[in-house]
N, C-alpha and C. Protein backbone atom coordinates (compact mmCIF):
# COMPACT_ATOMS: atom_id res chain seq x y z
N MET A 1 79.12 126.04 177.71
CA MET A 1 79.84 127.00 178.53
C MET A 1 78.89 127.69 179.52
N LEU A 2 77.68 128.01 179.08
CA LEU A 2 76.74 128.70 179.94
C LEU A 2 76.31 127.85 181.12
N VAL A 3 76.37 126.57 181.00
CA VAL A 3 76.01 125.66 182.09
C VAL A 3 77.23 125.39 182.99
N ILE A 4 78.38 125.27 182.40
CA ILE A 4 79.58 124.90 183.14
C ILE A 4 80.12 126.04 184.00
N ILE A 5 80.15 127.26 183.47
CA ILE A 5 80.75 128.40 184.18
C ILE A 5 80.01 128.70 185.50
N PRO A 6 78.69 128.82 185.53
CA PRO A 6 78.04 129.08 186.83
C PRO A 6 78.30 127.98 187.86
N ASP A 7 78.32 126.73 187.41
CA ASP A 7 78.59 125.63 188.32
C ASP A 7 80.02 125.71 188.85
N LEU A 8 80.96 126.04 187.98
CA LEU A 8 82.35 126.18 188.37
C LEU A 8 82.54 127.32 189.38
N VAL A 9 81.90 128.45 189.13
CA VAL A 9 81.99 129.60 190.05
C VAL A 9 81.37 129.25 191.40
N ARG A 10 80.24 128.58 191.41
CA ARG A 10 79.59 128.17 192.64
C ARG A 10 80.49 127.26 193.46
N LYS A 11 81.16 126.32 192.79
CA LYS A 11 82.06 125.40 193.48
C LYS A 11 83.30 126.14 194.02
N MET A 12 83.77 127.13 193.27
CA MET A 12 84.94 127.88 193.71
C MET A 12 84.63 128.70 194.97
N PHE A 13 83.44 129.25 195.06
CA PHE A 13 83.07 130.09 196.20
C PHE A 13 82.39 129.32 197.33
N GLN A 14 82.27 128.02 197.19
CA GLN A 14 81.65 127.21 198.23
C GLN A 14 82.46 127.28 199.53
N ARG A 15 83.79 127.24 199.41
CA ARG A 15 84.63 127.33 200.60
C ARG A 15 84.51 128.69 201.27
N VAL A 16 84.34 129.74 200.48
CA VAL A 16 84.17 131.08 201.04
C VAL A 16 82.83 131.16 201.78
N ALA A 17 81.80 130.57 201.22
CA ALA A 17 80.49 130.56 201.87
C ALA A 17 80.55 129.76 203.18
N LEU A 18 81.25 128.65 203.19
CA LEU A 18 81.42 127.87 204.43
C LEU A 18 82.16 128.69 205.49
N LEU A 19 83.18 129.41 205.07
CA LEU A 19 83.93 130.26 205.99
C LEU A 19 83.03 131.35 206.57
N ALA A 20 82.22 131.96 205.74
CA ALA A 20 81.30 133.00 206.20
C ALA A 20 80.32 132.44 207.22
N ARG A 21 79.80 131.25 206.98
CA ARG A 21 78.88 130.63 207.93
C ARG A 21 79.57 130.31 209.26
N GLU A 22 80.80 129.80 209.17
CA GLU A 22 81.55 129.47 210.39
C GLU A 22 81.77 130.73 211.23
N ILE A 23 82.18 131.81 210.63
CA ILE A 23 82.43 133.05 211.37
C ILE A 23 81.12 133.60 211.92
N ASP A 24 80.07 133.51 211.15
CA ASP A 24 78.78 134.04 211.58
C ASP A 24 78.21 133.28 212.77
N GLN A 25 78.54 132.00 212.90
CA GLN A 25 78.00 131.17 213.98
C GLN A 25 78.83 131.25 215.26
N ARG A 26 79.94 131.97 215.24
CA ARG A 26 80.77 132.09 216.44
C ARG A 26 80.08 132.93 217.50
N SER A 27 80.39 132.62 218.75
CA SER A 27 79.88 133.45 219.85
C SER A 27 80.79 134.67 220.01
N ASP A 28 80.39 135.58 220.87
CA ASP A 28 81.15 136.80 221.10
C ASP A 28 82.54 136.54 221.67
N GLN A 29 82.70 135.44 222.38
CA GLN A 29 83.97 135.14 223.04
C GLN A 29 84.92 134.33 222.16
N GLU A 30 84.46 133.84 221.05
CA GLU A 30 85.30 133.01 220.18
C GLU A 30 86.08 133.89 219.22
N LEU A 31 87.29 134.26 219.62
CA LEU A 31 88.12 135.15 218.82
C LEU A 31 89.36 134.45 218.27
N HIS A 32 89.31 133.12 218.19
CA HIS A 32 90.45 132.39 217.65
C HIS A 32 90.56 132.67 216.15
N PRO A 33 91.78 132.53 215.60
CA PRO A 33 91.98 132.84 214.18
C PRO A 33 91.23 131.88 213.26
N VAL A 34 90.94 132.39 212.10
CA VAL A 34 90.28 131.60 211.06
C VAL A 34 91.35 130.73 210.38
N GLU A 35 91.01 129.49 210.14
CA GLU A 35 91.94 128.56 209.48
C GLU A 35 92.19 129.05 208.05
N GLU A 36 93.46 129.22 207.69
CA GLU A 36 93.80 129.77 206.37
C GLU A 36 94.12 128.71 205.32
N SER A 37 94.35 127.49 205.74
CA SER A 37 94.86 126.48 204.82
C SER A 37 93.89 126.11 203.71
N HIS A 38 92.59 126.10 203.99
CA HIS A 38 91.63 125.67 202.98
C HIS A 38 90.96 126.85 202.26
N ILE A 39 91.54 128.03 202.39
CA ILE A 39 90.98 129.24 201.78
C ILE A 39 91.62 129.46 200.41
N PRO A 40 90.82 129.83 199.43
CA PRO A 40 91.40 130.13 198.10
C PRO A 40 92.41 131.28 198.20
N THR A 41 93.41 131.25 197.37
CA THR A 41 94.48 132.25 197.43
C THR A 41 93.96 133.67 197.21
N GLU A 42 92.88 133.82 196.45
CA GLU A 42 92.34 135.16 196.19
C GLU A 42 91.77 135.80 197.46
N VAL A 43 91.31 135.00 198.40
CA VAL A 43 90.66 135.49 199.61
C VAL A 43 91.63 135.48 200.80
N ARG A 44 92.75 134.81 200.66
CA ARG A 44 93.67 134.64 201.79
C ARG A 44 94.13 135.97 202.40
N PRO A 45 94.48 137.01 201.63
CA PRO A 45 94.86 138.29 202.27
C PRO A 45 93.75 138.86 203.17
N PHE A 46 92.52 138.69 202.75
CA PHE A 46 91.39 139.15 203.57
C PHE A 46 91.31 138.37 204.88
N VAL A 47 91.51 137.07 204.81
CA VAL A 47 91.45 136.22 206.00
C VAL A 47 92.62 136.54 206.93
N VAL A 48 93.79 136.79 206.39
CA VAL A 48 94.94 137.17 207.20
C VAL A 48 94.66 138.47 207.94
N ALA A 49 94.08 139.46 207.24
CA ALA A 49 93.73 140.73 207.87
C ALA A 49 92.65 140.52 208.93
N LEU A 50 91.70 139.66 208.66
CA LEU A 50 90.65 139.36 209.64
C LEU A 50 91.25 138.72 210.89
N ASN A 51 92.21 137.82 210.72
CA ASN A 51 92.87 137.19 211.86
C ASN A 51 93.64 138.22 212.69
N ARG A 52 94.29 139.18 212.02
CA ARG A 52 94.99 140.23 212.76
C ARG A 52 94.00 141.08 213.55
N LEU A 53 92.85 141.37 212.95
CA LEU A 53 91.81 142.13 213.64
C LEU A 53 91.28 141.36 214.86
N LEU A 54 91.04 140.07 214.70
CA LEU A 54 90.57 139.26 215.81
C LEU A 54 91.60 139.24 216.95
N ALA A 55 92.87 139.19 216.60
CA ALA A 55 93.92 139.21 217.63
C ALA A 55 93.93 140.54 218.37
N ARG A 56 93.76 141.66 217.64
CA ARG A 56 93.72 142.98 218.29
C ARG A 56 92.50 143.10 219.20
N VAL A 57 91.37 142.60 218.76
CA VAL A 57 90.16 142.64 219.59
C VAL A 57 90.35 141.79 220.85
N ALA A 58 90.94 140.62 220.71
CA ALA A 58 91.18 139.75 221.87
C ALA A 58 92.12 140.44 222.86
N ARG A 59 93.19 141.09 222.36
CA ARG A 59 94.10 141.82 223.26
C ARG A 59 93.38 142.96 223.95
N SER A 60 92.56 143.68 223.22
CA SER A 60 91.81 144.80 223.80
C SER A 60 90.86 144.32 224.89
N MET A 61 90.16 143.22 224.64
CA MET A 61 89.25 142.68 225.65
C MET A 61 90.02 142.22 226.89
N GLU A 62 91.19 141.65 226.71
CA GLU A 62 91.99 141.21 227.85
C GLU A 62 92.46 142.41 228.67
N VAL A 63 92.86 143.49 228.01
CA VAL A 63 93.27 144.70 228.72
C VAL A 63 92.09 145.25 229.52
N GLN A 64 90.91 145.25 228.94
CA GLN A 64 89.72 145.73 229.65
C GLN A 64 89.41 144.85 230.85
N ARG A 65 89.49 143.54 230.69
CA ARG A 65 89.24 142.62 231.80
C ARG A 65 90.24 142.86 232.93
N ARG A 66 91.50 143.03 232.58
CA ARG A 66 92.53 143.27 233.58
C ARG A 66 92.29 144.60 234.31
N PHE A 67 91.89 145.63 233.56
CA PHE A 67 91.61 146.93 234.17
C PHE A 67 90.46 146.82 235.17
N VAL A 68 89.39 146.16 234.78
CA VAL A 68 88.24 146.01 235.68
C VAL A 68 88.62 145.21 236.93
N ALA A 69 89.40 144.14 236.74
CA ALA A 69 89.84 143.33 237.89
C ALA A 69 90.72 144.16 238.82
N ASP A 70 91.64 144.94 238.26
CA ASP A 70 92.50 145.79 239.09
C ASP A 70 91.70 146.86 239.82
N ALA A 71 90.74 147.47 239.12
CA ALA A 71 89.91 148.51 239.75
C ALA A 71 89.09 147.92 240.88
N ALA A 72 88.51 146.74 240.67
CA ALA A 72 87.73 146.10 241.72
C ALA A 72 88.62 145.79 242.92
N HIS A 73 89.83 145.32 242.66
CA HIS A 73 90.75 145.01 243.75
C HIS A 73 91.11 146.28 244.54
N GLU A 74 91.37 147.37 243.83
CA GLU A 74 91.73 148.62 244.49
C GLU A 74 90.57 149.19 245.31
N LEU A 75 89.36 148.92 244.90
CA LEU A 75 88.19 149.44 245.63
C LEU A 75 87.84 148.59 246.84
N ARG A 76 88.28 147.36 246.86
CA ARG A 76 87.96 146.49 248.00
C ARG A 76 88.58 146.99 249.30
N THR A 77 89.80 147.50 249.24
CA THR A 77 90.51 147.93 250.45
C THR A 77 89.77 149.07 251.16
N PRO A 78 89.42 150.17 250.47
CA PRO A 78 88.69 151.23 251.19
C PRO A 78 87.31 150.77 251.65
N LEU A 79 86.69 149.90 250.90
CA LEU A 79 85.37 149.41 251.31
C LEU A 79 85.48 148.56 252.57
N THR A 80 86.53 147.78 252.67
CA THR A 80 86.75 146.99 253.88
C THR A 80 87.03 147.91 255.06
N ALA A 81 87.80 148.97 254.83
CA ALA A 81 88.09 149.93 255.90
C ALA A 81 86.79 150.59 256.38
N LEU A 82 85.93 150.98 255.45
CA LEU A 82 84.64 151.56 255.82
C LEU A 82 83.80 150.58 256.63
N SER A 83 83.82 149.35 256.22
CA SER A 83 83.05 148.32 256.91
C SER A 83 83.55 148.14 258.34
N LEU A 84 84.87 148.11 258.50
CA LEU A 84 85.44 147.97 259.84
C LEU A 84 85.11 149.18 260.72
N GLN A 85 85.16 150.36 260.14
CA GLN A 85 84.84 151.56 260.91
C GLN A 85 83.36 151.57 261.31
N ALA A 86 82.49 151.14 260.41
CA ALA A 86 81.06 151.07 260.73
C ALA A 86 80.83 150.06 261.85
N GLU A 87 81.60 148.98 261.84
CA GLU A 87 81.47 147.97 262.89
C GLU A 87 81.90 148.54 264.25
N LEU A 88 82.99 149.32 264.23
CA LEU A 88 83.44 149.95 265.47
C LEU A 88 82.43 150.96 265.99
N VAL A 89 81.84 151.74 265.09
CA VAL A 89 80.84 152.73 265.47
C VAL A 89 79.61 152.04 266.05
N SER A 90 79.27 150.88 265.52
CA SER A 90 78.07 150.19 266.00
C SER A 90 78.19 149.76 267.46
N GLU A 91 79.42 149.62 267.95
CA GLU A 91 79.63 149.23 269.34
C GLU A 91 79.46 150.39 270.31
N ALA A 92 79.46 151.61 269.80
CA ALA A 92 79.33 152.79 270.67
C ALA A 92 77.86 153.04 271.01
N GLU A 93 77.66 153.76 272.09
CA GLU A 93 76.30 154.14 272.48
C GLU A 93 75.80 155.22 271.52
N MET A 94 74.57 155.07 271.04
CA MET A 94 73.99 156.06 270.13
C MET A 94 72.48 155.99 270.18
N SER A 95 71.88 157.04 269.62
CA SER A 95 70.41 157.11 269.61
C SER A 95 69.85 156.13 268.58
N ASP A 96 68.55 155.96 268.63
CA ASP A 96 67.88 155.07 267.66
C ASP A 96 68.02 155.62 266.25
N ALA A 97 67.91 156.93 266.11
CA ALA A 97 68.04 157.54 264.77
C ALA A 97 69.45 157.30 264.21
N ALA A 98 70.46 157.44 265.06
CA ALA A 98 71.83 157.19 264.62
C ALA A 98 72.03 155.72 264.26
N ARG A 99 71.44 154.81 265.04
CA ARG A 99 71.52 153.39 264.72
C ARG A 99 70.87 153.08 263.37
N GLU A 100 69.75 153.74 263.12
CA GLU A 100 69.05 153.54 261.84
C GLU A 100 69.92 154.01 260.68
N ARG A 101 70.57 155.17 260.85
CA ARG A 101 71.46 155.68 259.80
C ARG A 101 72.66 154.77 259.61
N LEU A 102 73.16 154.22 260.69
CA LEU A 102 74.28 153.28 260.60
C LEU A 102 73.86 152.02 259.83
N GLY A 103 72.62 151.58 260.06
CA GLY A 103 72.12 150.43 259.30
C GLY A 103 72.05 150.71 257.81
N VAL A 104 71.63 151.94 257.47
CA VAL A 104 71.60 152.34 256.05
C VAL A 104 73.02 152.36 255.48
N LEU A 105 73.96 152.88 256.27
CA LEU A 105 75.36 152.90 255.84
C LEU A 105 75.88 151.49 255.60
N ARG A 106 75.62 150.57 256.52
CA ARG A 106 76.08 149.19 256.36
C ARG A 106 75.44 148.53 255.14
N THR A 107 74.16 148.81 254.90
CA THR A 107 73.49 148.27 253.71
C THR A 107 74.17 148.77 252.45
N GLY A 108 74.51 150.06 252.41
CA GLY A 108 75.21 150.62 251.26
C GLY A 108 76.57 150.00 251.05
N ILE A 109 77.28 149.77 252.15
CA ILE A 109 78.60 149.12 252.05
C ILE A 109 78.46 147.71 251.50
N GLU A 110 77.48 146.98 251.96
CA GLU A 110 77.25 145.61 251.46
C GLU A 110 76.86 145.61 249.98
N ARG A 111 76.06 146.59 249.59
CA ARG A 111 75.67 146.71 248.18
C ARG A 111 76.91 146.99 247.33
N GLY A 112 77.77 147.88 247.81
CA GLY A 112 79.02 148.16 247.09
C GLY A 112 79.91 146.93 247.01
N ARG A 113 79.97 146.18 248.09
CA ARG A 113 80.78 144.96 248.11
C ARG A 113 80.25 143.92 247.10
N SER A 114 78.94 143.79 247.03
CA SER A 114 78.39 142.81 246.07
C SER A 114 78.61 143.27 244.63
N LEU A 115 78.57 144.59 244.39
CA LEU A 115 78.87 145.09 243.04
C LEU A 115 80.32 144.82 242.68
N LEU A 116 81.22 145.00 243.63
CA LEU A 116 82.63 144.70 243.37
C LEU A 116 82.84 143.23 243.08
N ASN A 117 82.12 142.36 243.78
CA ASN A 117 82.23 140.93 243.50
C ASN A 117 81.73 140.60 242.10
N GLN A 118 80.74 141.33 241.63
CA GLN A 118 80.25 141.10 240.27
C GLN A 118 81.26 141.53 239.24
N LEU A 119 82.03 142.58 239.55
CA LEU A 119 83.10 143.02 238.63
C LEU A 119 84.14 141.93 238.52
């Protein structure tokens, strides 16, 4: 009995250890549900709860992605308007100091535009 029981317990928990390794090796973006069919019945409620958690995290990440995309889109319009106004101002007669400041303004607008593209 002392030899058989540890071997039996090890074999019973082998599937749980494989599941733990599979989850541990996932990347941050892999939020698909864990396969429940080959899980022992004693652990299945835990796996079901884990799958529900993964689904909530995936929904939350999607909401965040959508928010960032919408915010970037909303910011593009005023940035484009600023860019057009700076272009119109550049056509007017002005001093060298004013031209230099306009160049700084255009550089800032371009930096903002590239940040929005990264979003």
